[in-house]
C-alpha atoms as a PDB file:
ATOM      1  CA  MET A   1      -4.999 -39.125 -18.160  1.00  0.00           C
ATOM      2  CA  ALA A   2      -1.246 -38.623 -18.153  1.00  0.00           C
ATOM      3  CA  TYR A   3       0.594 -40.961 -15.875  1.00  0.00           C
ATOM      4  CA  GLY A   4       3.648 -39.838 -13.946  1.00  0.00           C
ATOM      5  CA  TYR A   5       2.971 -36.114 -14.245  1.00  0.00           C
ATOM      6  CA  MET A   6       1.132 -33.878 -11.811  1.00  0.00           C
ATOM      7  CA  ARG A   7       0.551 -30.207 -12.417  1.00  0.00           C
ATOM      8  CA  PRO A   8       1.705 -28.023  -9.540  1.00  0.00           C
ATOM      9  CA  ASP A   9      -1.129 -26.688  -7.426  1.00  0.00           C
ATOM     10  CA  PRO A  10      -1.280 -22.903  -8.010  1.00  0.00           C
ATOM     11  CA  VAL A  11      -2.767 -22.294  -4.572  1.00  0.00           C
ATOM     12  CA  GLU A  12       0.105 -24.091  -2.881  1.00  0.00           C
ATOM     13  CA  GLN A  13       2.606 -22.235  -5.059  1.00  0.00           C
ATOM     14  CA  PHE A  14       1.036 -18.937  -4.021  1.00  0.00           C
ATOM     15  CA  ARG A  15       1.090 -19.895  -0.348  1.00  0.00           C
ATOM     16  CA  GLY A  16       4.747 -20.792  -0.644  1.00  0.00           C
ATOM     17  CA  ALA A  17       5.564 -17.492  -2.362  1.00  0.00           C
ATOM     18  CA  VAL A  18       3.646 -15.495   0.244  1.00  0.00           C
ATOM     19  CA  GLY A  19       5.512 -17.285   3.009  1.00  0.00           C
ATOM     20  CA  HIS A  20       8.832 -16.625   1.286  1.00  0.00           C
ATOM     21  CA  TYR A  21       8.122 -12.926   0.805  1.00  0.00           C
ATOM     22  CA  GLY A  22       6.894 -12.681   4.392  1.00  0.00           C
ATOM     23  CA  ASP A  23      10.230 -14.083   5.542  1.00  0.00           C
ATOM     24  CA  LEU A  24      12.093 -11.548   3.375  1.00  0.00           C
ATOM     25  CA  ILE A  25      10.043  -8.664   4.795  1.00  0.00           C
ATOM     26  CA  LEU A  26      10.615  -9.885   8.346  1.00  0.00           C
ATOM     27  CA  ALA A  27      14.372 -10.108   7.735  1.00  0.00           C
ATOM     28  CA  ALA A  28      14.450  -6.575   6.294  1.00  0.00           C
ATOM     29  CA  VAL A  29      12.458  -5.199   9.245  1.00  0.00           C
ATOM     30  CA  GLN A  30      14.891  -6.871  11.632  1.00  0.00           C
ATOM     31  CA  MET A  31      17.689  -5.096   9.740  1.00  0.00           C
ATOM     32  CA  GLY A  32      16.036  -1.746  10.462  1.00  0.00           C
ATOM     33  CA  TYR A  33      13.916  -1.133   7.360  1.00  0.00           C
ATOM     34  CA  THR A  34      10.227  -0.294   7.598  1.00  0.00           C
ATOM     35  CA  GLU A  35       7.724  -2.710   6.092  1.00  0.00           C
ATOM     36  CA  ALA A  36       7.075  -0.281   3.240  1.00  0.00           C
ATOM     37  CA  GLU A  37      10.800  -0.025   2.519  1.00  0.00           C
ATOM     38  CA  ALA A  38      11.104  -3.815   2.666  1.00  0.00           C
ATOM     39  CA  ILE A  39       8.335  -4.192   0.099  1.00  0.00           C
ATOM     40  CA  GLU A  40      10.046  -1.672  -2.184  1.00  0.00           C
ATOM     41  CA  LEU A  41      13.314  -3.614  -1.843  1.00  0.00           C
ATOM     42  CA  ILE A  42      11.505  -6.791  -2.913  1.00  0.00           C
ATOM     43  CA  LYS A  43      10.046  -4.962  -5.931  1.00  0.00           C
ATOM     44  CA  VAL A  44      13.469  -3.711  -6.978  1.00  0.00           C
ATOM     45  CA  TYR A  45      14.972  -7.156  -6.502  1.00  0.00           C
ATOM     46  CA  ALA A  46      12.196  -8.748  -8.590  1.00  0.00           C
ATOM     47  CA  LEU A  47      12.627  -6.182 -11.370  1.00  0.00           C
ATOM     48  CA  PHE A  48      16.381  -6.758 -11.368  1.00  0.00           C
ATOM     49  CA  ASP A  49      15.765 -10.494 -11.690  1.00  0.00           C
ATOM     50  CA  ILE A  50      13.382  -9.960 -14.614  1.00  0.00           C
ATOM     51  CA  ALA A  51      15.877  -7.656 -16.360  1.00  0.00           C
ATOM     52  CA  HIS A  52      18.636 -10.208 -15.807  1.00  0.00           C
ATOM     53  CA  LYS A  53      16.513 -12.958 -17.389  1.00  0.00           C
ATOM     54  CA  LEU A  54      15.654 -10.719 -20.346  1.00  0.00           C
ATOM     55  CA  ASP A  55      19.334 -10.097 -21.088  1.00  0.00           C
ATOM     56  CA  GLY A  56      19.568 -13.543 -22.634  1.00  0.00           C
ATOM     57  CA  ILE A  57      16.575 -13.018 -24.939  1.00  0.00           C
ATOM     58  CA  SER A  58      17.054 -11.384 -28.317  1.00  0.00           C
ATOM     59  CA  PHE A  59      14.079  -9.720 -29.929  1.00  0.00           C
END
């Protein structure tokens, strides 16, 4: 047993992410986008973030 360290609960992490993405979709819909367009915007944003993180990695 390791003292002083708790692994994050994956279920709670997922719930938090779902809530966050729900808030992003709601904000985009309020800006005039459809839900489908909002989801596509989130996908593009996530891919941009991944590409940005990969820039620092040399293969």
